[in-house]
Amino acid sequence: MKRVENYIHGKSQSSSNNFLDVNDPSTSEKCAEVVLSNKNDFNAAVISSKKAYLEWSNFTPLKRSRILSKYKELIEKNIETLAKIISIEHGKTLDDAKGSVIRGLEVVEFSCGIPHLLKGEFSQNVGNAIDSWSIRQPLGITAGITPFNFPAMVPMWMYPISIACGNSFILKPSEKDPSCSILLAQLFSEAGLPDGVFNVVQGDKDIVNLILNSDEISSVSFVGSTPVAKYIYETSAKNGKRVQALGGAKNHLVVMPDANIDQAVDGIMGAAYGSAGERCMAVSVAVAVGDIADKLVENISNKAESLIVAPWTDSSSQMGPVISKEHKDKIENYITSGVEEGAKLVLDGRNFKIQGYENGYFVGPTLFDEVNKDMKIYKEEIFGPVLSVVRARNYDEALNLVNDHAFGNGTSIYTSDGEISRHFTTNCKIGMVGVNVPIPVPMAFHSFGGWKQSLFGDHSMHGTEGVRFYTKLKTVTSRWPKSIQKGPEFKMPTN
C-alpha cells in the first residue's frame, strides 16, 4: 500500500506512526494512506525552513528566477503524471485535472518574472542632499493550508510567488488527496531549489493549529470554507501573522432576456457541473431575468440529462464523483432540504449509481427551479453538482440578489447589451466578474479573491497582490557626508 509522508529538507520523512486512509472516490476503495504528522514533524519542518530561509533570501532574485524557470520545465514534462495522481485521489476527469495543473503552472511562469516586481521607488533630494527609496523584502517562513478540490493549482497560487520573493514555505495540503504535493516538492528539488525552502507537512487540524500558533511563521495563506477561513484569519491575526484566507462562495450567473441562450446554457453547464461542482468558482445560482426563464430551465435540463457521469478512467466522462461519502451525504441532504422548502426539483441527482461503481461517491446533476432567497439551498454553499434557478422580474432585482448575498466571490452576466454589462461590472459587490464568461478566474498576472464573506484579509492571491502579500515594504532615507572613491573596474559586472 502506498504511503504518503512529509517532504522535509529534501526528503520524505515522518516520525508519526498514525496514518489516515486515502480513498478512490470512484470506487470507495483505499488507494493510499497518509501520515498524520505530529509536533516533532512540524518542528522539524520549521527548523528546516528557518535555516533555508537565511540562505535563500540572500540569493539574487535572478538566481531564484532561474530555478523557477527550470521548475516550470519539469512541471510541463510531468503534467500527465500530476493529472493522473489528482484524478485517482480526487475523482475529477483527467482533462479537468490537466487543466488545473496548467492553471497552476501559469503562476510559476508569472513568478519567473518577479525580479521586475520587487523593484522599489526612488526620490532624489527629498531634503538637502537627502535621497529616499523603498525596497521590498521577504517575510521569512510562510505557510499555506490548501483544500482537496485543487491539490496542484491552489498550492501553486501560493508557494511559487512566496519562494520567488525570497521566503521559505511550509505547505499543509488536504489529507484527502495528498500525493500531488509530494511530487510538486520533489520536482522543485530536482530543479535546484535548496533543501528546506519548500517543505510539505501532511496532517489534519492539529497541524493547522500548530501553524497558526507558531511564532516562527510570518504569514498564512488559506483556501476553504468560510467558517474555517474566518477561524484561520482571526487566529492568525491574534498571533501577529499576515493572512489571506479565501472562504466560500455562492456564485450567481445572471441571464438577461437578450442573452445568447445557447452560449449561456453551455456556460452554465460547464460552470455548474464541471468537477462535480467542487469549485469555489462554480456557478450554483442561475438568475433568469424576465421571460427567458422557462426556455433556460428547459435547455439546461435537456443537456444535463445527457451529461456523462463516469470515473476518470472513462475518456468520455464529463463529470466524476464527489470527494467522499460524507460529502455525498451532505449534498444529498441539501437536495432533500430544497424539496422540503418548496423548490421545484427538475433533476434529482440523489441515489445515482453506475454499474460496476456502485460504491463510488457519485451524485448526478441536480437542477432546481423556482428557488427563492430564503431557502437553505440558496443561502449556503453546497459544493456539489446542484444548480438553483432563481427567477427575477428585471435587471435591478437580479443585481440586488447578487449584492445582497453574504458571499462575494464570483459572478457573471450573459447579455448583448453593453450598457447593462458596464453597469453590472461597476455596481456588483463581487470580487471577480465575468461578462459572457461563466467562470471568471483571473490569469496569474492578475489576482484572485472575493469580497464579503468570501475573503478575509487585505490581499488577494497571486499576481501583484501576491507579491505585496509575501514581501514587507521598507523605506530608506539617506544622506552621505562624503563619497567613497573606488579604483576602476574593467570587466562586465555580473550577479
Protein backbone atom coordinates (compact mmCIF):
# COMPACT_ATOMS: atom_id res chain seq x y z
CA MET A 1 0.00 0.00 0.00
CA LYS A 2 1.32 3.44 -0.99
CA ARG A 3 2.31 5.58 2.00
CA VAL A 4 2.39 9.37 1.65
CA GLU A 5 4.76 11.02 4.13
CA ASN A 6 6.09 14.52 4.66
CA TYR A 7 8.68 16.18 2.47
CA ILE A 8 11.11 17.91 4.81
CA HIS A 9 14.56 19.22 3.91
CA GLY A 10 14.62 17.48 0.56
CA LYS A 11 13.43 14.01 1.53
CA SER A 12 10.35 12.04 2.51
CA GLN A 13 10.17 11.50 6.25
CA SER A 14 7.90 11.37 9.29
CA SER A 15 8.19 10.42 12.95
CA SER A 16 4.47 9.75 13.44
CA ASN A 17 3.03 6.24 13.35
CA ASN A 18 -0.53 7.44 12.72
CA PHE A 19 -1.90 7.13 9.20
CA LEU A 20 -5.21 8.01 7.56
CA ASP A 21 -6.77 6.14 4.63
CA VAL A 22 -6.94 7.85 1.24
CA ASN A 23 -9.82 6.52 -0.84
CA ASP A 24 -10.50 6.47 -4.56
CA PRO A 25 -13.83 8.36 -4.83
CA SER A 26 -14.88 6.34 -7.89
CA THR A 27 -14.80 3.05 -6.01
CA SER A 28 -14.53 3.99 -2.31
CA GLU A 29 -11.54 1.62 -2.15
CA LYS A 30 -8.39 2.54 -0.27
CA CYS A 31 -5.67 3.67 -2.68
CA ALA A 32 -3.09 5.04 -0.23
CA GLU A 33 -2.54 6.16 3.33
CA VAL A 34 -1.20 9.47 4.51
CA VAL A 35 0.71 10.24 7.67
CA LEU A 36 -0.95 12.33 10.35
CA SER A 37 2.09 14.32 11.38
CA ASN A 38 2.89 15.09 15.00
CA LYS A 39 4.53 18.06 16.68
CA ASN A 40 8.02 16.63 16.10
CA ASP A 41 7.37 16.53 12.35
CA PHE A 42 6.12 20.10 12.40
CA ASN A 43 9.10 21.32 14.43
CA ALA A 44 11.47 19.59 12.00
CA ALA A 45 9.83 21.46 9.13
CA VAL A 46 10.10 24.80 10.93
CA ILE A 47 13.79 24.27 11.78
CA SER A 48 14.49 23.28 8.17
CA SER A 49 12.55 26.27 6.81
CA LYS A 50 14.28 28.73 9.12
CA LYS A 51 17.74 27.53 8.17
CA ALA A 52 16.91 27.50 4.45
CA TYR A 53 15.43 31.00 4.55
CA LEU A 54 18.69 32.52 5.76
CA GLU A 55 20.43 31.17 2.66
CA TRP A 56 17.62 31.53 0.13
CA SER A 57 16.77 35.16 0.97
CA ASN A 58 20.36 36.09 0.06
CA PHE A 59 20.09 34.54 -3.40
CA THR A 60 19.76 37.26 -6.00
CA PRO A 61 16.26 37.49 -7.50
CA LEU A 62 17.70 36.40 -10.85
CA LYS A 63 19.19 33.23 -9.40
CA ARG A 64 15.85 32.43 -7.78
CA SER A 65 14.13 33.08 -11.10
CA ARG A 66 16.39 30.64 -12.95
CA ILE A 67 15.49 27.84 -10.55
CA LEU A 68 11.81 28.64 -11.02
CA SER A 69 12.30 28.53 -14.79
CA LYS A 70 13.76 25.04 -14.51
CA TYR A 71 10.87 24.07 -12.23
CA LYS A 72 8.42 25.28 -14.87
CA GLU A 73 10.04 22.98 -17.43
CA LEU A 74 9.83 19.97 -15.10
CA ILE A 75 6.15 20.57 -14.36
CA GLU A 76 5.45 20.80 -18.10
CA LYS A 77 7.11 17.42 -18.60
CA ASN A 78 5.08 15.88 -15.78
CA ILE A 79 1.60 17.31 -16.43
CA GLU A 80 0.19 13.91 -17.36
CA THR A 81 1.63 12.24 -14.24
CA LEU A 82 0.40 15.01 -11.93
CA ALA A 83 -3.06 14.92 -13.51
CA LYS A 84 -3.37 11.15 -13.04
CA ILE A 85 -2.40 11.45 -9.38
CA ILE A 86 -5.08 14.11 -8.92
CA SER A 87 -7.75 12.08 -10.75
CA ILE A 88 -7.08 8.94 -8.72
CA GLU A 89 -7.37 10.66 -5.34
CA HIS A 90 -9.88 13.40 -6.17
CA GLY A 91 -12.02 11.73 -8.84
CA LYS A 92 -12.20 14.59 -11.35
CA THR A 93 -11.85 13.84 -15.06
CA LEU A 94 -8.35 13.65 -16.48
CA ASP A 95 -8.86 16.66 -18.78
CA ASP A 96 -10.10 18.73 -15.84
CA ALA A 97 -7.11 17.65 -13.76
CA LYS A 98 -4.72 18.59 -16.57
CA GLY A 99 -6.37 21.97 -16.88
CA SER A 100 -5.95 22.65 -13.18
CA VAL A 101 -2.23 21.79 -13.33
CA ILE A 102 -1.79 24.15 -16.27
CA ARG A 103 -3.54 27.00 -14.44
CA GLY A 104 -1.14 26.44 -11.53
CA LEU A 105 1.80 26.31 -13.93
CA GLU A 106 0.82 29.78 -15.16
CA VAL A 107 1.57 31.13 -11.67
CA VAL A 108 5.01 29.51 -11.80
CA GLU A 109 5.55 31.23 -15.17
CA PHE A 110 4.47 34.54 -13.65
CA SER A 111 6.82 34.00 -10.70
CA CYS A 112 9.80 33.71 -13.02
CA GLY A 113 9.39 37.43 -13.73
CA ILE A 114 9.09 38.58 -10.13
CA PRO A 115 12.51 40.32 -10.06
CA HIS A 116 10.82 43.08 -12.06
CA LEU A 117 8.07 43.42 -9.43
CA LEU A 118 10.47 43.57 -6.48
CA LYS A 119 11.73 46.97 -7.62
CA GLY A 120 11.05 49.88 -5.29
CA GLU A 121 10.70 53.62 -5.86
CA PHE A 122 13.35 56.33 -5.66
CA SER A 123 13.14 60.06 -4.94
CA GLN A 124 16.20 62.29 -5.20
CA ASN A 125 16.66 65.34 -2.99
CA VAL A 126 13.68 64.91 -0.72
CA GLY A 127 15.76 67.14 1.53
CA ASN A 128 19.08 68.94 1.18
CA ALA A 129 21.36 66.22 -0.34
CA ILE A 130 18.97 63.59 1.06
CA ASP A 131 17.57 60.76 -1.08
CA SER A 132 14.75 58.37 -0.24
CA TRP A 133 13.84 54.99 -1.68
CA SER A 134 11.74 51.92 -0.94
CA ILE A 135 12.59 48.24 -1.12
CA ARG A 136 10.53 45.05 -0.75
CA GLN A 137 11.98 42.32 1.44
CA PRO A 138 10.78 38.76 2.18
CA LEU A 139 8.78 37.91 5.30
CA GLY A 140 10.62 34.77 6.44
CA ILE A 141 8.81 31.45 6.88
CA THR A 142 5.43 31.46 5.15
CA ALA A 143 2.75 28.76 5.18
CA GLY A 144 -0.18 27.59 3.10
CA ILE A 145 -3.20 25.45 4.03
CA THR A 146 -4.94 24.16 0.92
CA PRO A 147 -8.21 22.32 0.07
CA PHE A 148 -8.92 18.98 -1.61
CA ASN A 149 -10.55 20.31 -4.77
CA PHE A 150 -7.38 21.60 -6.46
CA PRO A 151 -4.36 19.80 -4.98
CA ALA A 152 -1.98 21.29 -7.58
CA MET A 153 -3.46 24.61 -8.66
CA VAL A 154 -4.30 26.19 -5.29
CA PRO A 155 -0.92 25.44 -3.67
CA MET A 156 0.71 26.88 -6.80
CA TRP A 157 -1.24 30.09 -6.24
CA MET A 158 0.88 30.46 -3.12
CA TYR A 159 4.32 28.89 -2.84
CA PRO A 160 5.93 29.85 -6.20
CA ILE A 161 5.31 33.55 -5.53
CA SER A 162 6.39 33.33 -1.91
CA ILE A 163 9.57 31.47 -2.82
CA ALA A 164 10.35 33.79 -5.74
CA CYS A 165 10.15 36.70 -3.28
CA GLY A 166 12.83 35.06 -1.11
CA ASN A 167 10.76 33.31 1.55
CA SER A 168 10.69 29.68 2.61
CA PHE A 169 7.32 27.92 2.52
CA ILE A 170 5.56 25.17 4.50
CA LEU A 171 2.58 23.56 2.74
CA LYS A 172 -0.16 21.70 4.60
CA PRO A 173 -2.21 20.04 1.83
CA SER A 174 -5.56 18.33 2.21
CA GLU A 175 -5.31 14.87 3.73
CA LYS A 176 -7.95 13.67 1.24
CA ASP A 177 -5.62 13.85 -1.80
CA PRO A 178 -2.05 14.37 -0.53
CA SER A 179 0.15 12.69 -3.17
CA CYS A 180 0.30 15.55 -5.67
CA SER A 181 2.00 17.84 -3.14
CA ILE A 182 4.91 15.43 -2.74
CA LEU A 183 5.64 15.21 -6.45
CA LEU A 184 5.45 19.00 -6.74
CA ALA A 185 8.03 19.30 -3.95
CA GLN A 186 10.30 16.63 -5.46
CA LEU A 187 10.27 18.37 -8.84
CA PHE A 188 11.24 21.66 -7.18
CA SER A 189 14.22 19.94 -5.57
CA GLU A 190 15.15 18.47 -8.93
CA ALA A 191 15.07 21.99 -10.36
CA GLY A 192 17.78 23.03 -7.90
CA LEU A 193 15.81 24.51 -5.03
CA PRO A 194 17.89 24.30 -1.83
CA ASP A 195 16.64 21.81 0.76
CA GLY A 196 14.19 23.30 3.21
CA VAL A 197 12.95 26.19 1.10
CA PHE A 198 9.79 24.20 0.31
CA ASN A 199 8.58 21.72 2.91
CA VAL A 200 5.35 19.70 2.92
CA VAL A 201 3.76 18.63 6.22
CA GLN A 202 0.81 16.24 5.96
CA GLY A 203 -1.86 16.08 8.64
CA ASP A 204 -5.19 17.30 9.93
CA LYS A 205 -6.40 20.22 12.06
CA ASP A 206 -3.69 19.60 14.67
CA ILE A 207 -1.04 20.67 12.16
CA VAL A 208 -3.21 23.63 11.12
CA ASN A 209 -3.29 24.85 14.72
CA LEU A 210 0.45 24.43 15.08
CA ILE A 211 0.92 26.61 12.00
CA LEU A 212 -1.45 29.28 13.28
CA ASN A 213 0.20 29.45 16.70
CA SER A 214 3.84 29.20 15.65
CA ASP A 215 5.98 32.22 16.50
CA GLU A 216 8.32 31.35 13.63
CA ILE A 217 5.76 31.55 10.80
CA SER A 218 5.17 35.05 9.42
CA SER A 219 2.16 34.55 7.16
CA VAL A 220 -0.65 32.10 6.44
CA SER A 221 -2.49 31.60 3.15
CA PHE A 222 -5.69 29.55 3.10
CA VAL A 223 -8.45 28.44 0.74
CA GLY A 224 -11.52 26.62 2.05
CA SER A 225 -14.93 27.12 3.63
CA THR A 226 -15.97 30.43 5.17
CA PRO A 227 -16.21 29.21 8.81
CA VAL A 228 -12.68 27.82 8.62
CA ALA A 229 -11.37 30.86 6.71
CA LYS A 230 -12.72 33.11 9.45
CA TYR A 231 -11.07 30.95 12.13
CA ILE A 232 -7.76 30.99 10.23
CA TYR A 233 -7.96 34.77 9.86
CA GLU A 234 -8.84 35.50 13.48
CA THR A 235 -6.31 33.10 14.97
CA SER A 236 -3.50 34.21 12.66
CA ALA A 237 -4.20 37.88 13.36
CA LYS A 238 -4.16 37.28 17.12
CA ASN A 239 -0.70 35.78 16.68
CA GLY A 240 0.59 38.72 14.65
CA LYS A 241 0.67 36.98 11.29
CA ARG A 242 -0.12 38.37 7.90
CA VAL A 243 -3.06 36.38 6.50
CA GLN A 244 -5.05 35.86 3.31
CA ALA A 245 -7.97 33.46 3.83
CA LEU A 246 -10.32 32.70 0.96
CA GLY A 247 -13.69 31.36 2.04
CA GLY A 248 -16.88 30.03 0.48
CA ALA A 249 -18.94 31.13 -2.48
CA LYS A 250 -22.42 31.19 -3.96
CA ASN A 251 -21.67 32.41 -7.46
CA HIS A 252 -24.60 33.86 -9.44
CA LEU A 253 -24.81 33.84 -13.23
CA VAL A 254 -27.35 36.36 -14.47
CA VAL A 255 -29.01 35.61 -17.82
CA MET A 256 -30.67 38.64 -19.43
CA PRO A 257 -33.53 38.29 -21.93
CA ASP A 258 -31.25 39.44 -24.76
CA ALA A 259 -28.54 36.87 -24.00
CA ASN A 260 -27.40 34.27 -26.49
CA ILE A 261 -29.22 31.43 -24.76
CA ASP A 262 -27.17 28.62 -26.29
CA GLN A 263 -23.97 30.30 -25.14
CA ALA A 264 -25.45 30.89 -21.70
CA VAL A 265 -26.61 27.29 -21.30
CA ASP A 266 -23.23 25.91 -22.36
CA GLY A 267 -21.52 28.24 -19.89
CA ILE A 268 -23.86 27.25 -17.07
CA MET A 269 -23.43 23.53 -17.78
CA GLY A 270 -19.66 23.62 -17.52
CA ALA A 271 -19.60 26.01 -14.59
CA ALA A 272 -22.29 24.25 -12.55
CA TYR A 273 -21.41 20.60 -13.18
CA GLY A 274 -17.73 20.64 -14.10
CA SER A 275 -15.58 18.98 -11.43
CA ALA A 276 -18.89 17.85 -9.84
CA GLY A 277 -19.43 21.42 -8.65
CA GLU A 278 -16.48 21.17 -6.26
CA ARG A 279 -15.03 24.54 -7.24
CA CYS A 280 -15.10 27.81 -5.36
CA MET A 281 -15.81 29.44 -8.73
CA ALA A 282 -18.62 27.03 -9.68
CA VAL A 283 -21.91 28.59 -10.71
CA SER A 284 -24.51 27.41 -8.21
CA VAL A 285 -27.22 30.02 -8.90
CA ALA A 286 -28.59 30.95 -12.33
CA VAL A 287 -30.66 34.14 -12.20
CA ALA A 288 -33.14 34.07 -15.08
CA VAL A 289 -34.38 37.58 -15.87
CA GLY A 290 -37.80 38.14 -17.37
CA ASP A 291 -39.33 35.77 -19.90
CA ILE A 292 -36.14 33.83 -20.62
CA ALA A 293 -36.62 31.60 -17.53
CA ASP A 294 -38.77 28.80 -18.97
CA LYS A 295 -36.58 28.29 -22.02
CA LEU A 296 -33.41 28.47 -19.92
CA VAL A 297 -34.58 25.80 -17.46
CA GLU A 298 -35.77 23.54 -20.29
CA ASN A 299 -32.47 23.78 -22.17
CA ILE A 300 -30.35 23.20 -19.06
CA SER A 301 -32.48 20.20 -18.10
CA ASN A 302 -32.19 18.64 -21.56
CA LYS A 303 -28.40 19.00 -21.60
CA ALA A 304 -27.91 17.89 -18.00
CA GLU A 305 -29.90 14.71 -18.62
CA SER A 306 -27.37 13.68 -21.26
CA LEU A 307 -24.32 14.59 -19.15
CA ILE A 308 -21.87 11.66 -18.99
CA VAL A 309 -21.10 10.87 -15.35
CA ALA A 310 -18.34 8.29 -15.04
CA PRO A 311 -14.96 7.54 -13.42
CA TRP A 312 -11.90 9.41 -14.67
CA THR A 313 -10.67 6.25 -16.37
CA ASP A 314 -13.54 6.59 -18.87
CA SER A 315 -12.25 9.02 -21.51
CA SER A 316 -15.81 10.11 -22.33
CA SER A 317 -16.53 11.20 -18.73
CA GLN A 318 -17.70 14.77 -18.29
CA MET A 319 -18.23 14.63 -14.52
CA GLY A 320 -16.79 12.34 -11.87
CA PRO A 321 -17.67 11.60 -8.24
CA VAL A 322 -17.51 13.92 -5.26
CA ILE A 323 -14.64 13.58 -2.81
CA SER A 324 -16.09 11.36 -0.04
CA LYS A 325 -19.13 9.51 1.27
CA GLU A 326 -19.59 12.18 3.94
CA HIS A 327 -19.65 14.91 1.32
CA LYS A 328 -22.03 12.89 -0.89
CA ASP A 329 -24.42 12.54 2.04
CA LYS A 330 -24.17 16.26 2.78
CA ILE A 331 -25.03 17.20 -0.81
CA GLU A 332 -27.98 14.82 -0.90
CA ASN A 333 -29.26 16.29 2.37
CA TYR A 334 -29.21 19.72 0.74
CA ILE A 335 -31.27 18.37 -2.15
CA THR A 336 -33.80 16.95 0.31
CA SER A 337 -33.90 20.30 2.09
CA GLY A 338 -34.65 22.09 -1.18
CA VAL A 339 -37.59 19.81 -1.84
CA GLU A 340 -38.92 20.28 1.68
CA GLU A 341 -38.70 24.07 1.41
CA GLY A 342 -40.75 24.10 -1.79
CA ALA A 343 -38.24 24.44 -4.63
CA LYS A 344 -39.17 22.63 -7.84
CA LEU A 345 -36.81 19.67 -8.33
CA VAL A 346 -36.38 19.33 -12.10
CA LEU A 347 -33.48 16.85 -11.99
CA ASP A 348 -32.67 14.72 -8.94
CA GLY A 349 -29.06 13.54 -8.52
CA ARG A 350 -29.66 11.51 -5.38
CA ASN A 351 -29.13 7.74 -5.37
CA PHE A 352 -27.15 7.96 -8.59
CA LYS A 353 -25.48 4.63 -9.43
CA ILE A 354 -23.06 3.46 -12.13
CA GLN A 355 -22.77 -0.21 -12.97
CA GLY A 356 -19.52 -1.58 -11.61
CA TYR A 357 -19.03 1.52 -9.42
CA GLU A 358 -21.99 1.18 -7.10
CA ASN A 359 -19.84 2.10 -4.08
CA GLY A 360 -18.44 5.23 -5.68
CA TYR A 361 -19.34 8.69 -4.37
CA PHE A 362 -21.38 9.76 -7.39
CA VAL A 363 -24.08 12.44 -7.31
CA GLY A 364 -25.98 13.08 -10.53
CA PRO A 365 -26.52 16.56 -12.00
CA THR A 366 -29.25 18.24 -9.98
CA LEU A 367 -31.43 21.15 -11.09
CA PHE A 368 -33.85 23.22 -9.00
CA ASP A 369 -36.27 25.81 -10.37
CA GLU A 370 -38.31 28.46 -8.55
CA VAL A 371 -35.76 28.83 -5.77
CA ASN A 372 -36.09 31.89 -3.54
CA LYS A 373 -33.58 33.76 -1.40
CA ASP A 374 -34.93 32.42 1.89
CA MET A 375 -34.18 28.78 1.09
CA LYS A 376 -31.21 26.97 2.59
CA ILE A 377 -30.06 25.75 -0.84
CA TYR A 378 -29.80 29.40 -1.90
CA LYS A 379 -28.12 30.80 1.17
CA GLU A 380 -25.49 28.12 1.84
CA GLU A 381 -22.59 26.76 -0.19
CA ILE A 382 -23.38 23.19 -1.29
CA PHE A 383 -20.12 22.47 -3.14
CA GLY A 384 -21.64 19.85 -5.39
CA PRO A 385 -23.42 19.43 -8.76
CA VAL A 386 -26.55 21.29 -7.66
CA LEU A 387 -27.81 24.28 -9.66
CA SER A 388 -30.57 26.57 -8.40
CA VAL A 389 -32.54 28.75 -10.81
CA VAL A 390 -33.94 31.95 -9.31
CA ARG A 391 -36.40 33.98 -11.38
CA ALA A 392 -36.05 37.77 -11.39
CA ARG A 393 -38.57 40.16 -12.91
CA ASN A 394 -35.95 42.64 -14.14
CA TYR A 395 -32.27 43.57 -14.11
CA ASP A 396 -32.47 45.62 -10.88
CA GLU A 397 -33.94 42.67 -9.00
CA ALA A 398 -31.19 40.39 -10.36
CA LEU A 399 -28.46 42.81 -9.32
CA ASN A 400 -29.92 43.08 -5.83
CA LEU A 401 -29.85 39.27 -5.48
CA VAL A 402 -26.15 39.28 -6.33
CA ASN A 403 -25.32 42.16 -4.00
CA ASP A 404 -27.45 41.07 -1.05
CA HIS A 405 -25.93 37.60 -0.76
CA ALA A 406 -23.44 37.04 2.06
CA PHE A 407 -20.80 35.65 -0.32
CA GLY A 408 -18.99 37.79 -2.88
CA ASN A 409 -16.57 35.51 -4.66
CA GLY A 410 -17.52 35.47 -8.34
CA THR A 411 -20.41 36.37 -10.63
CA SER A 412 -21.20 36.58 -14.34
CA ILE A 413 -23.75 38.18 -16.61
CA TYR A 414 -24.82 36.99 -20.05
CA THR A 415 -26.15 39.83 -22.18
CA SER A 416 -25.83 41.54 -25.57
CA ASP A 417 -26.29 44.99 -24.01
CA GLY A 418 -23.07 46.88 -23.40
CA GLU A 419 -24.73 49.44 -21.13
CA ILE A 420 -26.13 46.69 -18.87
CA SER A 421 -22.75 44.95 -18.86
CA ARG A 422 -20.94 48.12 -17.84
CA HIS A 423 -23.46 48.88 -15.10
CA PHE A 424 -23.20 45.32 -13.76
CA THR A 425 -19.40 45.20 -13.68
CA THR A 426 -19.29 48.60 -11.98
CA ASN A 427 -22.04 48.07 -9.40
CA CYS A 428 -21.94 44.40 -8.38
CA LYS A 429 -20.32 43.85 -4.99
CA ILE A 430 -18.24 40.89 -6.06
CA GLY A 431 -14.51 40.29 -6.34
CA MET A 432 -14.38 38.54 -9.73
CA VAL A 433 -16.81 39.34 -12.53
CA GLY A 434 -17.45 37.79 -15.94
CA VAL A 435 -19.30 39.15 -18.96
CA ASN A 436 -20.45 36.28 -21.18
CA VAL A 437 -17.75 34.25 -19.37
CA PRO A 438 -19.07 31.66 -16.89
CA ILE A 439 -16.02 31.18 -14.66
CA PRO A 440 -14.11 34.48 -14.46
CA VAL A 441 -10.93 33.15 -12.86
CA PRO A 442 -8.20 35.79 -13.32
CA MET A 443 -4.98 34.88 -15.08
CA ALA A 444 -1.81 34.58 -13.00
CA PHE A 445 -0.71 38.16 -13.69
CA HIS A 446 -3.96 39.46 -12.19
CA SER A 447 -5.15 38.45 -8.71
CA PHE A 448 -7.74 36.01 -7.36
CA GLY A 449 -10.03 36.95 -4.48
CA GLY A 450 -13.59 37.72 -3.47
CA TRP A 451 -15.44 40.23 -1.30
CA LYS A 452 -17.64 40.00 1.79
CA GLN A 453 -17.66 36.52 3.43
CA SER A 454 -15.51 35.09 0.62
CA LEU A 455 -12.22 36.72 1.63
CA PHE A 456 -10.67 37.54 5.00
CA GLY A 457 -7.56 39.68 4.84
CA ASP A 458 -6.38 42.61 2.75
CA HIS A 459 -4.71 40.78 -0.13
CA SER A 460 -5.99 38.54 -2.91
CA MET A 461 -3.86 35.67 -4.23
CA HIS A 462 -1.18 35.56 -6.93
CA GLY A 463 -0.47 38.39 -9.34
CA THR A 464 0.90 41.66 -7.96
CA GLU A 465 -1.29 41.25 -4.86
CA GLY A 466 0.63 38.05 -4.10
CA VAL A 467 3.97 39.85 -4.40
CA ARG A 468 2.79 42.52 -1.97
CA PHE A 469 1.49 39.90 0.44
CA TYR A 470 4.76 37.94 0.54
CA THR A 471 7.02 40.98 0.98
CA LYS A 472 7.43 43.78 3.51
CA LEU A 473 7.90 47.38 2.42
CA LYS A 474 10.90 49.25 3.78
CA THR A 475 11.62 52.93 3.08
CA VAL A 476 15.16 54.30 3.42
CA THR A 477 16.12 57.96 3.78
CA SER A 478 19.85 58.61 3.28
CA ARG A 479 22.49 61.36 3.22
CA TRP A 480 26.23 60.84 2.67
CA PRO A 481 28.72 63.36 4.11
CA LYS A 482 31.34 62.36 1.57
CA SER A 483 31.73 59.86 -1.23
CA ILE A 484 33.94 56.77 -1.14
CA GLN A 485 36.32 56.54 -4.09
CA LYS A 486 36.96 53.11 -5.62
CA GLY A 487 39.51 52.11 -8.22
CA PRO A 488 38.46 51.46 -11.82
CA GLU A 489 36.96 48.09 -12.93
CA PHE A 490 37.28 46.87 -16.50
CA LYS A 491 35.09 43.74 -16.55
CA MET A 492 31.35 43.45 -17.04
CA PRO A 493 29.70 43.29 -13.58
CA THR A 494 27.60 40.14 -13.03
CA ASN A 495 25.39 38.64 -10.36
